[in-house]
mmCIF file of all heavy atoms, coordinates in Angstrom:
data_MODEL
# 
_entry.id   MODEL 
# 
loop_
_atom_site.group_PDB 
_atom_site.id 
_atom_site.type_symbol 
_atom_site.label_atom_id 
_atom_site.label_alt_id 
_atom_site.label_comp_id 
_atom_site.label_asym_id 
_atom_site.label_entity_id 
_atom_site.label_seq_id 
_atom_site.pdbx_PDB_ins_code 
_atom_site.Cartn_x 
_atom_site.Cartn_y 
_atom_site.Cartn_z 
_atom_site.occupancy 
_atom_site.B_iso_or_equiv 
_atom_site.pdbx_formal_charge 
_atom_site.auth_seq_id 
_atom_site.auth_comp_id 
_atom_site.auth_asym_id 
_atom_site.auth_atom_id 
_atom_site.pdbx_PDB_model_num 
ATOM 1   N N   . ARG A 1 1  ? 0.878  -1.193  -0.013  1.00 0.00 ? 1  ARG A N   1 
ATOM 2   C CA  . ARG A 1 1  ? -0.018 0.005   0.007   1.00 0.00 ? 1  ARG A CA  1 
ATOM 3   C C   . ARG A 1 1  ? 0.892  1.241   0.002   1.00 0.00 ? 1  ARG A C   1 
ATOM 4   O O   . ARG A 1 1  ? 1.693  1.454   0.936   1.00 0.00 ? 1  ARG A O   1 
ATOM 5   C CB  . ARG A 1 1  ? -0.870 -0.009  1.229   1.00 0.00 ? 1  ARG A CB  1 
ATOM 6   C CG  . ARG A 1 1  ? -1.886 1.148   1.328   1.00 0.00 ? 1  ARG A CG  1 
ATOM 7   C CD  . ARG A 1 1  ? -2.763 0.922   2.582   1.00 0.00 ? 1  ARG A CD  1 
ATOM 8   N NE  . ARG A 1 1  ? -3.779 1.904   2.811   1.00 0.00 ? 1  ARG A NE  1 
ATOM 9   C CZ  . ARG A 1 1  ? -5.029 1.912   2.359   1.00 0.00 ? 1  ARG A CZ  1 
ATOM 10  N NH1 . ARG A 1 1  ? -5.385 0.914   1.551   1.00 0.00 ? 1  ARG A NH1 1 
ATOM 11  N NH2 . ARG A 1 1  ? -5.887 2.842   2.674   1.00 0.00 ? 1  ARG A NH2 1 
ATOM 12  N N   . ALA A 1 2  ? 0.779  2.056   -1.043  1.00 0.00 ? 2  ALA A N   1 
ATOM 13  C CA  . ALA A 1 2  ? 1.627  3.264   -1.172  1.00 0.00 ? 2  ALA A CA  1 
ATOM 14  C C   . ALA A 1 2  ? 0.837  4.326   -1.930  1.00 0.00 ? 2  ALA A C   1 
ATOM 15  O O   . ALA A 1 2  ? 0.582  4.161   -3.131  1.00 0.00 ? 2  ALA A O   1 
ATOM 16  C CB  . ALA A 1 2  ? 2.915  2.917   -1.887  1.00 0.00 ? 2  ALA A CB  1 
ATOM 17  N N   . PHE A 1 3  ? 0.471  5.398   -1.251  1.00 0.00 ? 3  PHE A N   1 
ATOM 18  C CA  . PHE A 1 3  ? -0.394 6.405   -1.806  1.00 0.00 ? 3  PHE A CA  1 
ATOM 19  C C   . PHE A 1 3  ? 0.339  7.346   -2.778  1.00 0.00 ? 3  PHE A C   1 
ATOM 20  O O   . PHE A 1 3  ? 1.570  7.488   -2.731  1.00 0.00 ? 3  PHE A O   1 
ATOM 21  C CB  . PHE A 1 3  ? -1.003 7.281   -0.698  1.00 0.00 ? 3  PHE A CB  1 
ATOM 22  C CG  . PHE A 1 3  ? -1.999 6.572   0.164   1.00 0.00 ? 3  PHE A CG  1 
ATOM 23  C CD1 . PHE A 1 3  ? -2.446 7.177   1.308   1.00 0.00 ? 3  PHE A CD1 1 
ATOM 24  C CD2 . PHE A 1 3  ? -2.502 5.310   -0.138  1.00 0.00 ? 3  PHE A CD2 1 
ATOM 25  C CE1 . PHE A 1 3  ? -3.384 6.547   2.158   1.00 0.00 ? 3  PHE A CE1 1 
ATOM 26  C CE2 . PHE A 1 3  ? -3.403 4.656   0.659   1.00 0.00 ? 3  PHE A CE2 1 
ATOM 27  C CZ  . PHE A 1 3  ? -3.850 5.304   1.812   1.00 0.00 ? 3  PHE A CZ  1 
ATOM 28  N N   . ALA A 1 4  ? -0.451 8.115   -3.515  1.00 0.00 ? 4  ALA A N   1 
ATOM 29  C CA  . ALA A 1 4  ? 0.055  9.196   -4.314  1.00 0.00 ? 4  ALA A CA  1 
ATOM 30  C C   . ALA A 1 4  ? 0.497  10.363  -3.423  1.00 0.00 ? 4  ALA A C   1 
ATOM 31  O O   . ALA A 1 4  ? -0.072 10.631  -2.388  1.00 0.00 ? 4  ALA A O   1 
ATOM 32  C CB  . ALA A 1 4  ? -1.010 9.727   -5.261  1.00 0.00 ? 4  ALA A CB  1 
ATOM 33  N N   . GLY A 1 5  ? 1.564  11.045  -3.859  1.00 0.00 ? 5  GLY A N   1 
ATOM 34  C CA  . GLY A 1 5  ? 2.004  12.239  -3.166  1.00 0.00 ? 5  GLY A CA  1 
ATOM 35  C C   . GLY A 1 5  ? 1.228  13.467  -3.523  1.00 0.00 ? 5  GLY A C   1 
ATOM 36  O O   . GLY A 1 5  ? 1.207  14.464  -2.814  1.00 0.00 ? 5  GLY A O   1 
ATOM 37  N N   . LEU A 1 6  ? 0.554  13.440  -4.692  1.00 0.00 ? 6  LEU A N   1 
ATOM 38  C CA  . LEU A 1 6  ? -0.274 14.537  -5.220  1.00 0.00 ? 6  LEU A CA  1 
ATOM 39  C C   . LEU A 1 6  ? 0.494  15.841  -5.429  1.00 0.00 ? 6  LEU A C   1 
ATOM 40  O O   . LEU A 1 6  ? -0.057 16.911  -5.352  1.00 0.00 ? 6  LEU A O   1 
ATOM 41  C CB  . LEU A 1 6  ? -1.478 14.795  -4.320  1.00 0.00 ? 6  LEU A CB  1 
ATOM 42  C CG  . LEU A 1 6  ? -2.538 13.675  -4.260  1.00 0.00 ? 6  LEU A CG  1 
ATOM 43  C CD1 . LEU A 1 6  ? -3.652 14.046  -3.281  1.00 0.00 ? 6  LEU A CD1 1 
ATOM 44  C CD2 . LEU A 1 6  ? -3.106 13.408  -5.645  1.00 0.00 ? 6  LEU A CD2 1 
ATOM 45  N N   . VAL A 1 7  ? 1.796  15.712  -5.690  1.00 0.00 ? 7  VAL A N   1 
ATOM 46  C CA  . VAL A 1 7  ? 2.626  16.879  -5.988  1.00 0.00 ? 7  VAL A CA  1 
ATOM 47  C C   . VAL A 1 7  ? 3.164  16.750  -7.438  1.00 0.00 ? 7  VAL A C   1 
ATOM 48  O O   . VAL A 1 7  ? 3.081  17.690  -8.191  1.00 0.00 ? 7  VAL A O   1 
ATOM 49  C CB  . VAL A 1 7  ? 3.789  17.012  -4.999  1.00 0.00 ? 7  VAL A CB  1 
ATOM 50  C CG1 . VAL A 1 7  ? 4.737  18.145  -5.430  1.00 0.00 ? 7  VAL A CG1 1 
ATOM 51  C CG2 . VAL A 1 7  ? 3.275  17.254  -3.572  1.00 0.00 ? 7  VAL A CG2 1 
ATOM 52  N N   . ASP A 1 8  ? 3.716  15.578  -7.731  1.00 0.00 ? 8  ASP A N   1 
ATOM 53  C CA  . ASP A 1 8  ? 4.345  15.329  -9.043  1.00 0.00 ? 8  ASP A CA  1 
ATOM 54  C C   . ASP A 1 8  ? 3.519  14.277  -9.751  1.00 0.00 ? 8  ASP A C   1 
ATOM 55  O O   . ASP A 1 8  ? 3.596  13.095  -9.466  1.00 0.00 ? 8  ASP A O   1 
ATOM 56  C CB  . ASP A 1 8  ? 5.779  14.849  -8.799  1.00 0.00 ? 8  ASP A CB  1 
ATOM 57  C CG  . ASP A 1 8  ? 6.569  14.669  -10.080 1.00 0.00 ? 8  ASP A CG  1 
ATOM 58  O OD1 . ASP A 1 8  ? 5.977  14.357  -11.104 1.00 0.00 ? 8  ASP A OD1 1 
ATOM 59  O OD2 . ASP A 1 8  ? 7.809  14.780  -9.999  1.00 0.00 ? 8  ASP A OD2 1 
ATOM 60  N N   . LYS A 1 9  ? 2.722  14.727  -10.735 1.00 0.00 ? 9  LYS A N   1 
ATOM 61  C CA  . LYS A 1 9  ? 1.850  13.807  -11.465 1.00 0.00 ? 9  LYS A CA  1 
ATOM 62  C C   . LYS A 1 9  ? 2.643  12.687  -12.145 1.00 0.00 ? 9  LYS A C   1 
ATOM 63  O O   . LYS A 1 9  ? 2.253  11.510  -12.085 1.00 0.00 ? 9  LYS A O   1 
ATOM 64  C CB  . LYS A 1 9  ? 1.031  14.580  -12.511 1.00 0.00 ? 9  LYS A CB  1 
ATOM 65  C CG  . LYS A 1 9  ? 0.001  13.688  -13.248 1.00 0.00 ? 9  LYS A CG  1 
ATOM 66  C CD  . LYS A 1 9  ? -0.608 14.394  -14.455 1.00 0.00 ? 9  LYS A CD  1 
ATOM 67  C CE  . LYS A 1 9  ? -1.488 15.550  -14.044 1.00 0.00 ? 9  LYS A CE  1 
ATOM 68  N NZ  . LYS A 1 9  ? -2.213 16.104  -15.219 1.00 0.00 ? 9  LYS A NZ  1 
ATOM 69  N N   . GLU A 1 10 ? 3.739  13.063  -12.809 1.00 0.00 ? 10 GLU A N   1 
ATOM 70  C CA  . GLU A 1 10 ? 4.503  12.062  -13.530 1.00 0.00 ? 10 GLU A CA  1 
ATOM 71  C C   . GLU A 1 10 ? 5.082  10.992  -12.582 1.00 0.00 ? 10 GLU A C   1 
ATOM 72  O O   . GLU A 1 10 ? 5.028  9.786   -12.899 1.00 0.00 ? 10 GLU A O   1 
ATOM 73  C CB  . GLU A 1 10 ? 5.660  12.768  -14.278 1.00 0.00 ? 10 GLU A CB  1 
ATOM 74  C CG  . GLU A 1 10 ? 6.469  11.809  -15.159 1.00 0.00 ? 10 GLU A CG  1 
ATOM 75  C CD  . GLU A 1 10 ? 7.540  12.522  -15.964 1.00 0.00 ? 10 GLU A CD  1 
ATOM 76  O OE1 . GLU A 1 10 ? 7.463  13.791  -16.068 1.00 0.00 ? 10 GLU A OE1 1 
ATOM 77  O OE2 . GLU A 1 10 ? 8.458  11.865  -16.452 1.00 0.00 ? 10 GLU A OE2 1 
ATOM 78  N N   . LYS A 1 11 ? 5.540  11.452  -11.423 1.00 0.00 ? 11 LYS A N   1 
ATOM 79  C CA  . LYS A 1 11 ? 6.091  10.498  -10.438 1.00 0.00 ? 11 LYS A CA  1 
ATOM 80  C C   . LYS A 1 11 ? 5.008  9.573   -9.938  1.00 0.00 ? 11 LYS A C   1 
ATOM 81  O O   . LYS A 1 11 ? 5.167  8.374   -9.830  1.00 0.00 ? 11 LYS A O   1 
ATOM 82  C CB  . LYS A 1 11 ? 6.730  11.257  -9.305  1.00 0.00 ? 11 LYS A CB  1 
ATOM 83  C CG  . LYS A 1 11 ? 7.340  10.336  -8.222  1.00 0.00 ? 11 LYS A CG  1 
ATOM 84  C CD  . LYS A 1 11 ? 7.986  11.180  -7.116  1.00 0.00 ? 11 LYS A CD  1 
ATOM 85  C CE  . LYS A 1 11 ? 8.562  10.255  -6.022  1.00 0.00 ? 11 LYS A CE  1 
ATOM 86  N NZ  . LYS A 1 11 ? 9.164  11.064  -4.912  1.00 0.00 ? 11 LYS A NZ  1 
ATOM 87  N N   . ASP A 1 12 ? 3.837  10.155  -9.599  1.00 0.00 ? 12 ASP A N   1 
ATOM 88  C CA  . ASP A 1 12 ? 2.734  9.328   -9.122  1.00 0.00 ? 12 ASP A CA  1 
ATOM 89  C C   . ASP A 1 12 ? 2.309  8.289   -10.167 1.00 0.00 ? 12 ASP A C   1 
ATOM 90  O O   . ASP A 1 12 ? 2.084  7.133   -9.852  1.00 0.00 ? 12 ASP A O   1 
ATOM 91  C CB  . ASP A 1 12 ? 1.534  10.205  -8.741  1.00 0.00 ? 12 ASP A CB  1 
ATOM 92  C CG  . ASP A 1 12 ? 1.742  10.919  -7.406  1.00 0.00 ? 12 ASP A CG  1 
ATOM 93  O OD1 . ASP A 1 12 ? 2.671  10.558  -6.681  1.00 0.00 ? 12 ASP A OD1 1 
ATOM 94  O OD2 . ASP A 1 12 ? 0.985  11.874  -7.106  1.00 0.00 ? 12 ASP A OD2 1 
ATOM 95  N N   . GLU A 1 13 ? 2.197  8.733   -11.423 1.00 0.00 ? 13 GLU A N   1 
ATOM 96  C CA  . GLU A 1 13 ? 1.708  7.828   -12.434 1.00 0.00 ? 13 GLU A CA  1 
ATOM 97  C C   . GLU A 1 13 ? 2.738  6.780   -12.815 1.00 0.00 ? 13 GLU A C   1 
ATOM 98  O O   . GLU A 1 13 ? 2.400  5.755   -13.431 1.00 0.00 ? 13 GLU A O   1 
ATOM 99  C CB  . GLU A 1 13 ? 1.246  8.617   -13.668 1.00 0.00 ? 13 GLU A CB  1 
ATOM 100 C CG  . GLU A 1 13 ? -0.030 9.453   -13.342 1.00 0.00 ? 13 GLU A CG  1 
ATOM 101 C CD  . GLU A 1 13 ? -0.669 10.053  -14.573 1.00 0.00 ? 13 GLU A CD  1 
ATOM 102 O OE1 . GLU A 1 13 ? 0.052  10.251  -15.588 1.00 0.00 ? 13 GLU A OE1 1 
ATOM 103 O OE2 . GLU A 1 13 ? -1.864 10.317  -14.500 1.00 0.00 ? 13 GLU A OE2 1 
ATOM 104 N N   . SER A 1 14 ? 4.003  6.998   -12.452 1.00 0.00 ? 14 SER A N   1 
ATOM 105 C CA  . SER A 1 14 ? 5.029  5.978   -12.686 1.00 0.00 ? 14 SER A CA  1 
ATOM 106 C C   . SER A 1 14 ? 4.870  4.803   -11.732 1.00 0.00 ? 14 SER A C   1 
ATOM 107 O O   . SER A 1 14 ? 5.429  3.717   -11.966 1.00 0.00 ? 14 SER A O   1 
ATOM 108 C CB  . SER A 1 14 ? 6.419  6.547   -12.542 1.00 0.00 ? 14 SER A CB  1 
ATOM 109 O OG  . SER A 1 14 ? 6.729  6.790   -11.183 1.00 0.00 ? 14 SER A OG  1 
ATOM 110 N N   . GLU A 1 15 ? 4.107  4.991   -10.632 1.00 0.00 ? 15 GLU A N   1 
ATOM 111 C CA  . GLU A 1 15 ? 3.841  3.953   -9.654  1.00 0.00 ? 15 GLU A CA  1 
ATOM 112 C C   . GLU A 1 15 ? 5.157  3.262   -9.212  1.00 0.00 ? 15 GLU A C   1 
ATOM 113 O O   . GLU A 1 15 ? 5.305  2.054   -9.267  1.00 0.00 ? 15 GLU A O   1 
ATOM 114 C CB  . GLU A 1 15 ? 2.913  2.866   -10.266 1.00 0.00 ? 15 GLU A CB  1 
ATOM 115 C CG  . GLU A 1 15 ? 1.540  3.346   -10.603 1.00 0.00 ? 15 GLU A CG  1 
ATOM 116 C CD  . GLU A 1 15 ? 0.585  3.285   -9.402  1.00 0.00 ? 15 GLU A CD  1 
ATOM 117 O OE1 . GLU A 1 15 ? 1.021  3.642   -8.305  1.00 0.00 ? 15 GLU A OE1 1 
ATOM 118 O OE2 . GLU A 1 15 ? -0.552 2.888   -9.564  1.00 0.00 ? 15 GLU A OE2 1 
ATOM 119 N N   . GLU A 1 16 ? 6.101  4.095   -8.787  1.00 0.00 ? 16 GLU A N   1 
ATOM 120 C CA  . GLU A 1 16 ? 7.485  3.585   -8.561  1.00 0.00 ? 16 GLU A CA  1 
ATOM 121 C C   . GLU A 1 16 ? 7.544  2.484   -7.490  1.00 0.00 ? 16 GLU A C   1 
ATOM 122 O O   . GLU A 1 16 ? 8.337  1.551   -7.599  1.00 0.00 ? 16 GLU A O   1 
ATOM 123 C CB  . GLU A 1 16 ? 8.428  4.690   -8.216  1.00 0.00 ? 16 GLU A CB  1 
ATOM 124 C CG  . GLU A 1 16 ? 8.141  5.477   -6.948  1.00 0.00 ? 16 GLU A CG  1 
ATOM 125 C CD  . GLU A 1 16 ? 9.121  6.589   -6.675  1.00 0.00 ? 16 GLU A CD  1 
ATOM 126 O OE1 . GLU A 1 16 ? 9.933  6.888   -7.558  1.00 0.00 ? 16 GLU A OE1 1 
ATOM 127 O OE2 . GLU A 1 16 ? 9.081  7.134   -5.547  1.00 0.00 ? 16 GLU A OE2 1 
ATOM 128 N N   . VAL A 1 17 ? 6.686  2.538   -6.466  1.00 0.00 ? 17 VAL A N   1 
ATOM 129 C CA  . VAL A 1 17 ? 6.740  1.520   -5.390  1.00 0.00 ? 17 VAL A CA  1 
ATOM 130 C C   . VAL A 1 17 ? 6.204  0.189   -5.919  1.00 0.00 ? 17 VAL A C   1 
ATOM 131 O O   . VAL A 1 17 ? 6.876  -0.840  -5.898  1.00 0.00 ? 17 VAL A O   1 
ATOM 132 C CB  . VAL A 1 17 ? 5.966  1.970   -4.148  1.00 0.00 ? 17 VAL A CB  1 
ATOM 133 C CG1 . VAL A 1 17 ? 6.039  0.906   -3.066  1.00 0.00 ? 17 VAL A CG1 1 
ATOM 134 C CG2 . VAL A 1 17 ? 6.517  3.281   -3.611  1.00 0.00 ? 17 VAL A CG2 1 
ATOM 135 N N   . ILE A 1 18 ? 4.926  0.194   -6.388  1.00 0.00 ? 18 ILE A N   1 
ATOM 136 C CA  . ILE A 1 18 ? 4.296  -1.020  -6.893  1.00 0.00 ? 18 ILE A CA  1 
ATOM 137 C C   . ILE A 1 18 ? 5.073  -1.601  -8.082  1.00 0.00 ? 18 ILE A C   1 
ATOM 138 O O   . ILE A 1 18 ? 5.362  -2.783  -8.156  1.00 0.00 ? 18 ILE A O   1 
ATOM 139 C CB  . ILE A 1 18 ? 2.819  -0.759  -7.284  1.00 0.00 ? 18 ILE A CB  1 
ATOM 140 C CG1 . ILE A 1 18 ? 1.989  -0.502  -6.040  1.00 0.00 ? 18 ILE A CG1 1 
ATOM 141 C CG2 . ILE A 1 18 ? 2.251  -1.904  -8.086  1.00 0.00 ? 18 ILE A CG2 1 
ATOM 142 C CD1 . ILE A 1 18 ? 1.680  -1.738  -5.209  1.00 0.00 ? 18 ILE A CD1 1 
ATOM 143 N N   . THR A 1 19 ? 5.421  -0.714  -9.003  1.00 0.00 ? 19 THR A N   1 
ATOM 144 C CA  . THR A 1 19 ? 6.147  -1.131  -10.213 1.00 0.00 ? 19 THR A CA  1 
ATOM 145 C C   . THR A 1 19 ? 7.525  -1.688  -9.874  1.00 0.00 ? 19 THR A C   1 
ATOM 146 O O   . THR A 1 19 ? 7.953  -2.693  -10.409 1.00 0.00 ? 19 THR A O   1 
ATOM 147 C CB  . THR A 1 19 ? 6.298  0.006   -11.192 1.00 0.00 ? 19 THR A CB  1 
ATOM 148 O OG1 . THR A 1 19 ? 4.967  0.458   -11.561 1.00 0.00 ? 19 THR A OG1 1 
ATOM 149 C CG2 . THR A 1 19 ? 7.007  -0.409  -12.473 1.00 0.00 ? 19 THR A CG2 1 
ATOM 150 N N   . GLY A 1 20 ? 8.188  -1.032  -8.919  1.00 0.00 ? 20 GLY A N   1 
ATOM 151 C CA  . GLY A 1 20 ? 9.495  -1.495  -8.481  1.00 0.00 ? 20 GLY A CA  1 
ATOM 152 C C   . GLY A 1 20 ? 9.438  -2.886  -7.924  1.00 0.00 ? 20 GLY A C   1 
ATOM 153 O O   . GLY A 1 20 ? 10.273 -3.771  -8.265  1.00 0.00 ? 20 GLY A O   1 
ATOM 154 N N   . PHE A 1 21 ? 8.502  -3.141  -7.056  1.00 0.00 ? 21 PHE A N   1 
ATOM 155 C CA  . PHE A 1 21 ? 8.340  -4.495  -6.485  1.00 0.00 ? 21 PHE A CA  1 
ATOM 156 C C   . PHE A 1 21 ? 7.959  -5.517  -7.561  1.00 0.00 ? 21 PHE A C   1 
ATOM 157 O O   . PHE A 1 21 ? 8.467  -6.644  -7.588  1.00 0.00 ? 21 PHE A O   1 
ATOM 158 C CB  . PHE A 1 21 ? 7.350  -4.496  -5.321  1.00 0.00 ? 21 PHE A CB  1 
ATOM 159 C CG  . PHE A 1 21 ? 7.954  -4.164  -4.019  1.00 0.00 ? 21 PHE A CG  1 
ATOM 160 C CD1 . PHE A 1 21 ? 7.976  -2.828  -3.562  1.00 0.00 ? 21 PHE A CD1 1 
ATOM 161 C CD2 . PHE A 1 21 ? 8.523  -5.125  -3.211  1.00 0.00 ? 21 PHE A CD2 1 
ATOM 162 C CE1 . PHE A 1 21 ? 8.552  -2.503  -2.339  1.00 0.00 ? 21 PHE A CE1 1 
ATOM 163 C CE2 . PHE A 1 21 ? 9.081  -4.817  -1.983  1.00 0.00 ? 21 PHE A CE2 1 
ATOM 164 C CZ  . PHE A 1 21 ? 9.133  -3.495  -1.549  1.00 0.00 ? 21 PHE A CZ  1 
ATOM 165 N N   . ALA A 1 22 ? 7.042  -5.135  -8.440  1.00 0.00 ? 22 ALA A N   1 
ATOM 166 C CA  . ALA A 1 22 ? 6.634  -6.047  -9.513  1.00 0.00 ? 22 ALA A CA  1 
ATOM 167 C C   . ALA A 1 22 ? 7.814  -6.397  -10.434 1.00 0.00 ? 22 ALA A C   1 
ATOM 168 O O   . ALA A 1 22 ? 7.917  -7.518  -10.926 1.00 0.00 ? 22 ALA A O   1 
ATOM 169 C CB  . ALA A 1 22 ? 5.485  -5.481  -10.314 1.00 0.00 ? 22 ALA A CB  1 
ATOM 170 N N   . ASN A 1 23 ? 8.694  -5.444  -10.642 1.00 0.00 ? 23 ASN A N   1 
ATOM 171 C CA  . ASN A 1 23 ? 9.846  -5.674  -11.528 1.00 0.00 ? 23 ASN A CA  1 
ATOM 172 C C   . ASN A 1 23 ? 10.917 -6.547  -10.896 1.00 0.00 ? 23 ASN A C   1 
ATOM 173 O O   . ASN A 1 23 ? 11.547 -7.342  -11.596 1.00 0.00 ? 23 ASN A O   1 
ATOM 174 C CB  . ASN A 1 23 ? 10.467 -4.331  -11.928 1.00 0.00 ? 23 ASN A CB  1 
ATOM 175 C CG  . ASN A 1 23 ? 9.670  -3.589  -12.961 1.00 0.00 ? 23 ASN A CG  1 
ATOM 176 O OD1 . ASN A 1 23 ? 8.828  -4.164  -13.646 1.00 0.00 ? 23 ASN A OD1 1 
ATOM 177 N ND2 . ASN A 1 23 ? 9.888  -2.269  -13.099 1.00 0.00 ? 23 ASN A ND2 1 
ATOM 178 N N   . TYR A 1 24 ? 11.155 -6.369  -9.581  1.00 0.00 ? 24 TYR A N   1 
ATOM 179 C CA  . TYR A 1 24 ? 12.291 -7.019  -8.946  1.00 0.00 ? 24 TYR A CA  1 
ATOM 180 C C   . TYR A 1 24 ? 11.952 -8.135  -7.974  1.00 0.00 ? 24 TYR A C   1 
ATOM 181 O O   . TYR A 1 24 ? 12.826 -8.954  -7.674  1.00 0.00 ? 24 TYR A O   1 
ATOM 182 C CB  . TYR A 1 24 ? 13.166 -5.966  -8.262  1.00 0.00 ? 24 TYR A CB  1 
ATOM 183 C CG  . TYR A 1 24 ? 13.699 -4.911  -9.185  1.00 0.00 ? 24 TYR A CG  1 
ATOM 184 C CD1 . TYR A 1 24 ? 13.284 -3.580  -9.092  1.00 0.00 ? 24 TYR A CD1 1 
ATOM 185 C CD2 . TYR A 1 24 ? 14.566 -5.229  -10.224 1.00 0.00 ? 24 TYR A CD2 1 
ATOM 186 C CE1 . TYR A 1 24 ? 13.754 -2.612  -9.971  1.00 0.00 ? 24 TYR A CE1 1 
ATOM 187 C CE2 . TYR A 1 24 ? 15.049 -4.282  -11.102 1.00 0.00 ? 24 TYR A CE2 1 
ATOM 188 C CZ  . TYR A 1 24 ? 14.629 -2.975  -10.973 1.00 0.00 ? 24 TYR A CZ  1 
ATOM 189 O OH  . TYR A 1 24 ? 15.102 -2.015  -11.857 1.00 0.00 ? 24 TYR A OH  1 
ATOM 190 N N   . ALA A 1 25 ? 10.715 -8.231  -7.564  1.00 0.00 ? 25 ALA A N   1 
ATOM 191 C CA  . ALA A 1 25 ? 10.340 -9.385  -6.682  1.00 0.00 ? 25 ALA A CA  1 
ATOM 192 C C   . ALA A 1 25 ? 10.220 -10.613 -7.548  1.00 0.00 ? 25 ALA A C   1 
ATOM 193 O O   . ALA A 1 25 ? 9.908  -10.599 -8.721  1.00 0.00 ? 25 ALA A O   1 
ATOM 194 C CB  . ALA A 1 25 ? 9.030  -9.061  -5.987  1.00 0.00 ? 25 ALA A CB  1 
ATOM 195 N N   . THR A 1 26 ? 10.465 -11.750 -6.880  1.00 0.00 ? 26 THR A N   1 
ATOM 196 C CA  . THR A 1 26 ? 10.320 -13.048 -7.585  1.00 0.00 ? 26 THR A CA  1 
ATOM 197 C C   . THR A 1 26 ? 9.062  -13.782 -7.110  1.00 0.00 ? 26 THR A C   1 
ATOM 198 O O   . THR A 1 26 ? 8.890  -14.967 -7.372  1.00 0.00 ? 26 THR A O   1 
ATOM 199 C CB  . THR A 1 26 ? 11.545 -13.909 -7.368  1.00 0.00 ? 26 THR A CB  1 
ATOM 200 O OG1 . THR A 1 26 ? 11.777 -14.045 -5.929  1.00 0.00 ? 26 THR A OG1 1 
ATOM 201 C CG2 . THR A 1 26 ? 12.790 -13.282 -7.965  1.00 0.00 ? 26 THR A CG2 1 
ATOM 202 N N   . ILE A 1 27 ? 8.178  -13.040 -6.423  1.00 0.00 ? 27 ILE A N   1 
ATOM 203 C CA  . ILE A 1 27 ? 6.911  -13.581 -5.925  1.00 0.00 ? 27 ILE A CA  1 
ATOM 204 C C   . ILE A 1 27 ? 5.769  -12.696 -6.408  1.00 0.00 ? 27 ILE A C   1 
ATOM 205 O O   . ILE A 1 27 ? 6.021  -11.552 -6.849  1.00 0.00 ? 27 ILE A O   1 
ATOM 206 C CB  . ILE A 1 27 ? 6.941  -13.676 -4.366  1.00 0.00 ? 27 ILE A CB  1 
ATOM 207 C CG1 . ILE A 1 27 ? 7.191  -12.275 -3.761  1.00 0.00 ? 27 ILE A CG1 1 
ATOM 208 C CG2 . ILE A 1 27 ? 7.951  -14.680 -3.901  1.00 0.00 ? 27 ILE A CG2 1 
ATOM 209 C CD1 . ILE A 1 27 ? 7.125  -12.244 -2.221  1.00 0.00 ? 27 ILE A CD1 1 
# 
């Protein structure tokens, strides 16, 4: 669970937390 910061639209839409885990987790 990781919310939007509502400051930087591009950063929020990159979904860096969820995407990062999906890219590098093996589960």
